[in-house]
Amino acid sequence: TFKELLEKHPVDMHLSTSLKKVCPD
């Protein structure tokens, strides 16, 4: 289901990417 959704709709996917800091915006 998710594969089909990603083929039909653009989603900016960033893999092998680690969260380092959280800011309000």
PDB file of all heavy atoms in Angstrom:
ATOM      1  N   THR A   1       0.831  -1.204   0.000  1.00  0.00           N
ATOM      2  CA  THR A   1       0.000   0.000   0.000  1.00  0.00           C
ATOM      3  C   THR A   1       0.861   1.247   0.000  1.00  0.00           C
ATOM      4  O   THR A   1       0.634   2.193  -0.785  1.00  0.00           O
ATOM      5  CB  THR A   1      -0.919   0.007   1.233  1.00  0.00           C
ATOM      6  OG1 THR A   1      -1.766  -1.139   1.204  1.00  0.00           O
ATOM      7  CG2 THR A   1      -1.780   1.261   1.271  1.00  0.00           C
ATOM      8  N   PHE A   2       1.876   1.276   0.869  1.00  0.00           N
ATOM      9  CA  PHE A   2       2.753   2.445   0.948  1.00  0.00           C
ATOM     10  C   PHE A   2       3.569   2.609  -0.336  1.00  0.00           C
ATOM     11  O   PHE A   2       3.800   3.731  -0.788  1.00  0.00           O
ATOM     12  CB  PHE A   2       3.680   2.332   2.161  1.00  0.00           C
ATOM     13  CG  PHE A   2       2.966   2.391   3.488  1.00  0.00           C
ATOM     14  CD1 PHE A   2       3.287   1.508   4.507  1.00  0.00           C
ATOM     15  CD2 PHE A   2       1.977   3.327   3.708  1.00  0.00           C
ATOM     16  CE1 PHE A   2       2.633   1.561   5.726  1.00  0.00           C
ATOM     17  CE2 PHE A   2       1.310   3.395   4.935  1.00  0.00           C
ATOM     18  CZ  PHE A   2       1.643   2.505   5.941  1.00  0.00           C
ATOM     19  N   LYS A   3       3.999   1.488  -0.908  1.00  0.00           N
ATOM     20  CA  LYS A   3       4.759   1.555  -2.157  1.00  0.00           C
ATOM     21  C   LYS A   3       3.912   2.188  -3.255  1.00  0.00           C
ATOM     22  O   LYS A   3       4.390   3.064  -4.005  1.00  0.00           O
ATOM     23  CB  LYS A   3       5.213   0.153  -2.572  1.00  0.00           C
ATOM     24  CG  LYS A   3       6.029   0.132  -3.851  1.00  0.00           C
ATOM     25  CD  LYS A   3       6.442  -1.290  -4.235  1.00  0.00           C
ATOM     26  CE  LYS A   3       7.220  -1.313  -5.535  1.00  0.00           C
ATOM     27  NZ  LYS A   3       7.577  -2.703  -5.950  1.00  0.00           N
ATOM     28  N   GLU A   4       2.662   1.763  -3.364  1.00  0.00           N
ATOM     29  CA  GLU A   4       1.761   2.344  -4.362  1.00  0.00           C
ATOM     30  C   GLU A   4       1.548   3.830  -4.106  1.00  0.00           C
ATOM     31  O   GLU A   4       1.552   4.654  -5.037  1.00  0.00           O
ATOM     32  CB  GLU A   4       0.423   1.609  -4.336  1.00  0.00           C
ATOM     33  CG  GLU A   4      -0.581   2.150  -5.333  1.00  0.00           C
ATOM     34  CD  GLU A   4      -1.968   1.547  -5.151  1.00  0.00           C
ATOM     35  OE1 GLU A   4      -2.345   1.226  -3.997  1.00  0.00           O
ATOM     36  OE2 GLU A   4      -2.678   1.421  -6.156  1.00  0.00           O
ATOM     37  N   LEU A   5       1.374   4.195  -2.837  1.00  0.00           N
ATOM     38  CA  LEU A   5       1.152   5.593  -2.483  1.00  0.00           C
ATOM     39  C   LEU A   5       2.346   6.455  -2.875  1.00  0.00           C
ATOM     40  O   LEU A   5       2.192   7.547  -3.436  1.00  0.00           O
ATOM     41  CB  LEU A   5       0.899   5.698  -0.975  1.00  0.00           C
ATOM     42  CG  LEU A   5       0.540   7.079  -0.422  1.00  0.00           C
ATOM     43  CD1 LEU A   5      -0.834   7.505  -0.924  1.00  0.00           C
ATOM     44  CD2 LEU A   5       0.552   7.067   1.102  1.00  0.00           C
ATOM     45  N   LEU A   6       3.559   5.950  -2.615  1.00  0.00           N
ATOM     46  CA  LEU A   6       4.768   6.706  -2.930  1.00  0.00           C
ATOM     47  C   LEU A   6       4.992   6.827  -4.431  1.00  0.00           C
ATOM     48  O   LEU A   6       5.623   7.776  -4.902  1.00  0.00           O
ATOM     49  CB  LEU A   6       5.977   6.043  -2.259  1.00  0.00           C
ATOM     50  CG  LEU A   6       6.006   6.135  -0.732  1.00  0.00           C
ATOM     51  CD1 LEU A   6       7.107   5.257  -0.163  1.00  0.00           C
ATOM     52  CD2 LEU A   6       6.182   7.581  -0.277  1.00  0.00           C
ATOM     53  N   GLU A   7       4.474   5.859  -5.188  1.00  0.00           N
ATOM     54  CA  GLU A   7       4.585   5.943  -6.646  1.00  0.00           C
ATOM     55  C   GLU A   7       3.641   6.994  -7.217  1.00  0.00           C
ATOM     56  O   GLU A   7       3.930   7.608  -8.249  1.00  0.00           O
ATOM     57  CB  GLU A   7       4.287   4.578  -7.267  1.00  0.00           C
ATOM     58  CG  GLU A   7       5.382   3.545  -7.031  1.00  0.00           C
ATOM     59  CD  GLU A   7       4.975   2.147  -7.477  1.00  0.00           C
ATOM     60  OE1 GLU A   7       3.774   1.952  -7.791  1.00  0.00           O
ATOM     61  OE2 GLU A   7       5.838   1.248  -7.501  1.00  0.00           O
ATOM     62  N   LYS A   8       2.527   7.221  -6.545  1.00  0.00           N
ATOM     63  CA  LYS A   8       1.514   8.152  -7.051  1.00  0.00           C
ATOM     64  C   LYS A   8       1.679   9.569  -6.514  1.00  0.00           C
ATOM     65  O   LYS A   8       1.243  10.533  -7.143  1.00  0.00           O
ATOM     66  CB  LYS A   8       0.111   7.642  -6.693  1.00  0.00           C
ATOM     67  CG  LYS A   8      -0.299   6.375  -7.424  1.00  0.00           C
ATOM     68  CD  LYS A   8      -1.702   5.951  -7.021  1.00  0.00           C
ATOM     69  CE  LYS A   8      -2.160   4.721  -7.805  1.00  0.00           C
ATOM     70  NZ  LYS A   8      -3.538   4.304  -7.414  1.00  0.00           N
ATOM     71  N   HIS A   9       2.282   9.709  -5.339  1.00  0.00           N
ATOM     72  CA  HIS A   9       2.376  11.014  -4.690  1.00  0.00           C
ATOM     73  C   HIS A   9       3.829  11.302  -4.320  1.00  0.00           C
ATOM     74  O   HIS A   9       4.515  10.436  -3.767  1.00  0.00           O
ATOM     75  CB  HIS A   9       1.516  11.063  -3.439  1.00  0.00           C
ATOM     76  CG  HIS A   9       0.054  10.811  -3.686  1.00  0.00           C
ATOM     77  ND1 HIS A   9      -0.809  11.784  -4.108  1.00  0.00           N
ATOM     78  CD2 HIS A   9      -0.678   9.669  -3.586  1.00  0.00           C
ATOM     79  CE1 HIS A   9      -2.020  11.272  -4.252  1.00  0.00           C
ATOM     80  NE2 HIS A   9      -1.968   9.990  -3.944  1.00  0.00           N
ATOM     81  N   PRO A  10       4.306  12.495  -4.578  1.00  0.00           N
ATOM     82  CA  PRO A  10       5.697  12.823  -4.236  1.00  0.00           C
ATOM     83  C   PRO A  10       5.884  12.977  -2.722  1.00  0.00           C
ATOM     84  O   PRO A  10       5.195  13.762  -2.071  1.00  0.00           O
ATOM     85  CB  PRO A  10       5.925  14.160  -4.956  1.00  0.00           C
ATOM     86  CG  PRO A  10       4.556  14.766  -5.093  1.00  0.00           C
ATOM     87  CD  PRO A  10       3.610  13.619  -5.248  1.00  0.00           C
ATOM     88  N   VAL A  11       6.801  12.208  -2.164  1.00  0.00           N
ATOM     89  CA  VAL A  11       7.186  12.319  -0.766  1.00  0.00           C
ATOM     90  C   VAL A  11       8.708  12.403  -0.732  1.00  0.00           C
ATOM     91  O   VAL A  11       9.403  11.582  -1.336  1.00  0.00           O
ATOM     92  CB  VAL A  11       6.693  11.115   0.068  1.00  0.00           C
ATOM     93  CG1 VAL A  11       7.278  11.155   1.473  1.00  0.00           C
ATOM     94  CG2 VAL A  11       5.169  11.110   0.143  1.00  0.00           C
ATOM     95  N   ASP A  12       9.212  13.401  -0.041  1.00  0.00           N
ATOM     96  CA  ASP A  12      10.660  13.603   0.046  1.00  0.00           C
ATOM     97  C   ASP A  12      11.217  12.688   1.137  1.00  0.00           C
ATOM     98  O   ASP A  12      11.058  12.956   2.324  1.00  0.00           O
ATOM     99  CB  ASP A  12      10.938  15.075   0.365  1.00  0.00           C
ATOM    100  CG  ASP A  12      12.396  15.446   0.167  1.00  0.00           C
ATOM    101  OD1 ASP A  12      13.135  14.628  -0.402  1.00  0.00           O
ATOM    102  OD2 ASP A  12      12.783  16.552   0.600  1.00  0.00           O
ATOM    103  N   MET A  13      11.850  11.586   0.734  1.00  0.00           N
ATOM    104  CA  MET A  13      12.307  10.558   1.662  1.00  0.00           C
ATOM    105  C   MET A  13      13.821  10.663   1.872  1.00  0.00           C
ATOM    106  O   MET A  13      14.592  10.646   0.910  1.00  0.00           O
ATOM    107  CB  MET A  13      11.945   9.177   1.105  1.00  0.00           C
ATOM    108  CG  MET A  13      12.186   8.025   2.059  1.00  0.00           C
ATOM    109  SD  MET A  13      10.856   7.801   3.250  1.00  0.00           S
ATOM    110  CE  MET A  13       9.535   7.204   2.204  1.00  0.00           C
ATOM    111  N   HIS A  14      14.218  10.746   3.149  1.00  0.00           N
ATOM    112  CA  HIS A  14      15.640  10.829   3.492  1.00  0.00           C
ATOM    113  C   HIS A  14      15.993   9.653   4.400  1.00  0.00           C
ATOM    114  O   HIS A  14      15.703   9.667   5.597  1.00  0.00           O
ATOM    115  CB  HIS A  14      15.950  12.160   4.188  1.00  0.00           C
ATOM    116  CG  HIS A  14      15.722  13.352   3.329  1.00  0.00           C
ATOM    117  ND1 HIS A  14      16.715  13.947   2.580  1.00  0.00           N
ATOM    118  CD2 HIS A  14      14.584  14.055   3.064  1.00  0.00           C
ATOM    119  CE1 HIS A  14      16.221  14.971   1.907  1.00  0.00           C
ATOM    120  NE2 HIS A  14      14.929  15.063   2.184  1.00  0.00           N
ATOM    121  N   LEU A  15      16.619   8.621   3.824  1.00  0.00           N
ATOM    122  CA  LEU A  15      17.014   7.436   4.581  1.00  0.00           C
ATOM    123  C   LEU A  15      18.456   7.588   5.068  1.00  0.00           C
ATOM    124  O   LEU A  15      19.196   8.465   4.600  1.00  0.00           O
ATOM    125  CB  LEU A  15      16.864   6.192   3.713  1.00  0.00           C
ATOM    126  CG  LEU A  15      15.459   5.932   3.155  1.00  0.00           C
ATOM    127  CD1 LEU A  15      15.462   4.707   2.244  1.00  0.00           C
ATOM    128  CD2 LEU A  15      14.432   5.773   4.268  1.00  0.00           C
ATOM    129  N   SER A  16      18.839   6.729   6.023  1.00  0.00           N
ATOM    130  CA  SER A  16      20.184   6.792   6.631  1.00  0.00           C
ATOM    131  C   SER A  16      20.481   8.205   7.129  1.00  0.00           C
ATOM    132  O   SER A  16      21.601   8.712   7.024  1.00  0.00           O
ATOM    133  CB  SER A  16      21.248   6.343   5.621  1.00  0.00           C
ATOM    134  OG  SER A  16      21.027   5.019   5.201  1.00  0.00           O
ATOM    135  N   THR A  17      19.459   8.837   7.676  1.00  0.00           N
ATOM    136  CA  THR A  17      19.557  10.225   8.140  1.00  0.00           C
ATOM    137  C   THR A  17      19.127  10.297   9.601  1.00  0.00           C
ATOM    138  O   THR A  17      18.044   9.830   9.952  1.00  0.00           O
ATOM    139  CB  THR A  17      18.680  11.146   7.269  1.00  0.00           C
ATOM    140  OG1 THR A  17      19.078  11.015   5.905  1.00  0.00           O
ATOM    141  CG2 THR A  17      18.804  12.588   7.703  1.00  0.00           C
ATOM    142  N   SER A  18      19.971  10.872  10.453  1.00  0.00           N
ATOM    143  CA  SER A  18      19.731  10.866  11.904  1.00  0.00           C
ATOM    144  C   SER A  18      19.357  12.247  12.417  1.00  0.00           C
ATOM    145  O   SER A  18      19.987  13.255  12.062  1.00  0.00           O
ATOM    146  CB  SER A  18      20.988  10.389  12.641  1.00  0.00           C
ATOM    147  OG  SER A  18      21.347   9.082  12.239  1.00  0.00           O
ATOM    148  N   LEU A  19      18.338  12.290  13.255  1.00  0.00           N
ATOM    149  CA  LEU A  19      17.919  13.540  13.888  1.00  0.00           C
ATOM    150  C   LEU A  19      18.974  13.988  14.899  1.00  0.00           C
ATOM    151  O   LEU A  19      19.402  13.203  15.743  1.00  0.00           O
ATOM    152  CB  LEU A  19      16.574  13.334  14.577  1.00  0.00           C
ATOM    153  CG  LEU A  19      15.983  14.545  15.304  1.00  0.00           C
ATOM    154  CD1 LEU A  19      15.628  15.646  14.301  1.00  0.00           C
ATOM    155  CD2 LEU A  19      14.749  14.136  16.112  1.00  0.00           C
ATOM    156  N   LYS A  20      19.352  15.249  14.819  1.00  0.00           N
ATOM    157  CA  LYS A  20      20.387  15.776  15.707  1.00  0.00           C
ATOM    158  C   LYS A  20      19.879  16.873  16.640  1.00  0.00           C
ATOM    159  O   LYS A  20      20.370  17.024  17.755  1.00  0.00           O
ATOM    160  CB  LYS A  20      21.563  16.323  14.884  1.00  0.00           C
ATOM    161  CG  LYS A  20      22.298  15.270  14.054  1.00  0.00           C
ATOM    162  CD  LYS A  20      22.903  14.183  14.944  1.00  0.00           C
ATOM    163  CE  LYS A  20      23.665  13.159  14.136  1.00  0.00           C
ATOM    164  NZ  LYS A  20      24.199  12.064  14.979  1.00  0.00           N
ATOM    165  N   LYS A  21      18.914  17.646  16.178  1.00  0.00           N
ATOM    166  CA  LYS A  21      18.412  18.761  16.987  1.00  0.00           C
ATOM    167  C   LYS A  21      16.981  19.088  16.592  1.00  0.00           C
ATOM    168  O   LYS A  21      16.613  18.998  15.414  1.00  0.00           O
ATOM    169  CB  LYS A  21      19.302  19.991  16.795  1.00  0.00           C
ATOM    170  CG  LYS A  21      18.931  21.178  17.680  1.00  0.00           C
ATOM    171  CD  LYS A  21      19.907  22.328  17.480  1.00  0.00           C
ATOM    172  CE  LYS A  21      19.531  23.533  18.338  1.00  0.00           C
ATOM    173  NZ  LYS A  21      20.475  24.670  18.150  1.00  0.00           N
ATOM    174  N   VAL A  22      16.188  19.469  17.586  1.00  0.00           N
ATOM    175  CA  VAL A  22      14.788  19.840  17.358  1.00  0.00           C
ATOM    176  C   VAL A  22      14.610  21.311  17.706  1.00  0.00           C
ATOM    177  O   VAL A  22      14.912  21.739  18.826  1.00  0.00           O
ATOM    178  CB  VAL A  22      13.847  18.971  18.204  1.00  0.00           C
ATOM    179  CG1 VAL A  22      12.394  19.430  18.032  1.00  0.00           C
ATOM    180  CG2 VAL A  22      13.987  17.507  17.826  1.00  0.00           C
ATOM    181  N   CYS A  23      14.125  22.092  16.752  1.00  0.00           N
ATOM    182  CA  CYS A  23      13.834  23.510  16.949  1.00  0.00           C
ATOM    183  C   CYS A  23      12.327  23.721  16.789  1.00  0.00           C
ATOM    184  O   CYS A  23      11.630  22.863  16.245  1.00  0.00           O
ATOM    185  CB  CYS A  23      14.605  24.356  15.942  1.00  0.00           C
ATOM    186  SG  CYS A  23      16.398  24.099  15.977  1.00  0.00           S
ATOM    187  N   PRO A  24      11.802  24.854  17.244  1.00  0.00           N
ATOM    188  CA  PRO A  24      10.350  25.055  17.174  1.00  0.00           C
ATOM    189  C   PRO A  24       9.761  24.954  15.776  1.00  0.00           C
ATOM    190  O   PRO A  24       8.606  24.565  15.616  1.00  0.00           O
ATOM    191  CB  PRO A  24      10.171  26.475  17.743  1.00  0.00           C
ATOM    192  CG  PRO A  24      11.342  26.648  18.654  1.00  0.00           C
ATOM    193  CD  PRO A  24      12.478  25.937  17.976  1.00  0.00           C
ATOM    194  N   ASP A  25      10.543  25.295  14.748  1.00  0.00           N
ATOM    195  CA  ASP A  25       9.992  25.300  13.388  1.00  0.00           C
ATOM    196  C   ASP A  25      10.827  24.496  12.390  1.00  0.00           C
ATOM    197  O   ASP A  25      10.619  24.587  11.184  1.00  0.00           O
ATOM    198  CB  ASP A  25       9.862  26.736  12.885  1.00  0.00           C
ATOM    199  CG  ASP A  25      11.201  27.477  12.891  1.00  0.00           C
ATOM    200  OD1 ASP A  25      12.199  26.898  13.390  1.00  0.00           O
ATOM    201  OD2 ASP A  25      11.241  28.626  12.416  1.00  0.00           O
TER     202      ASP A  25
END
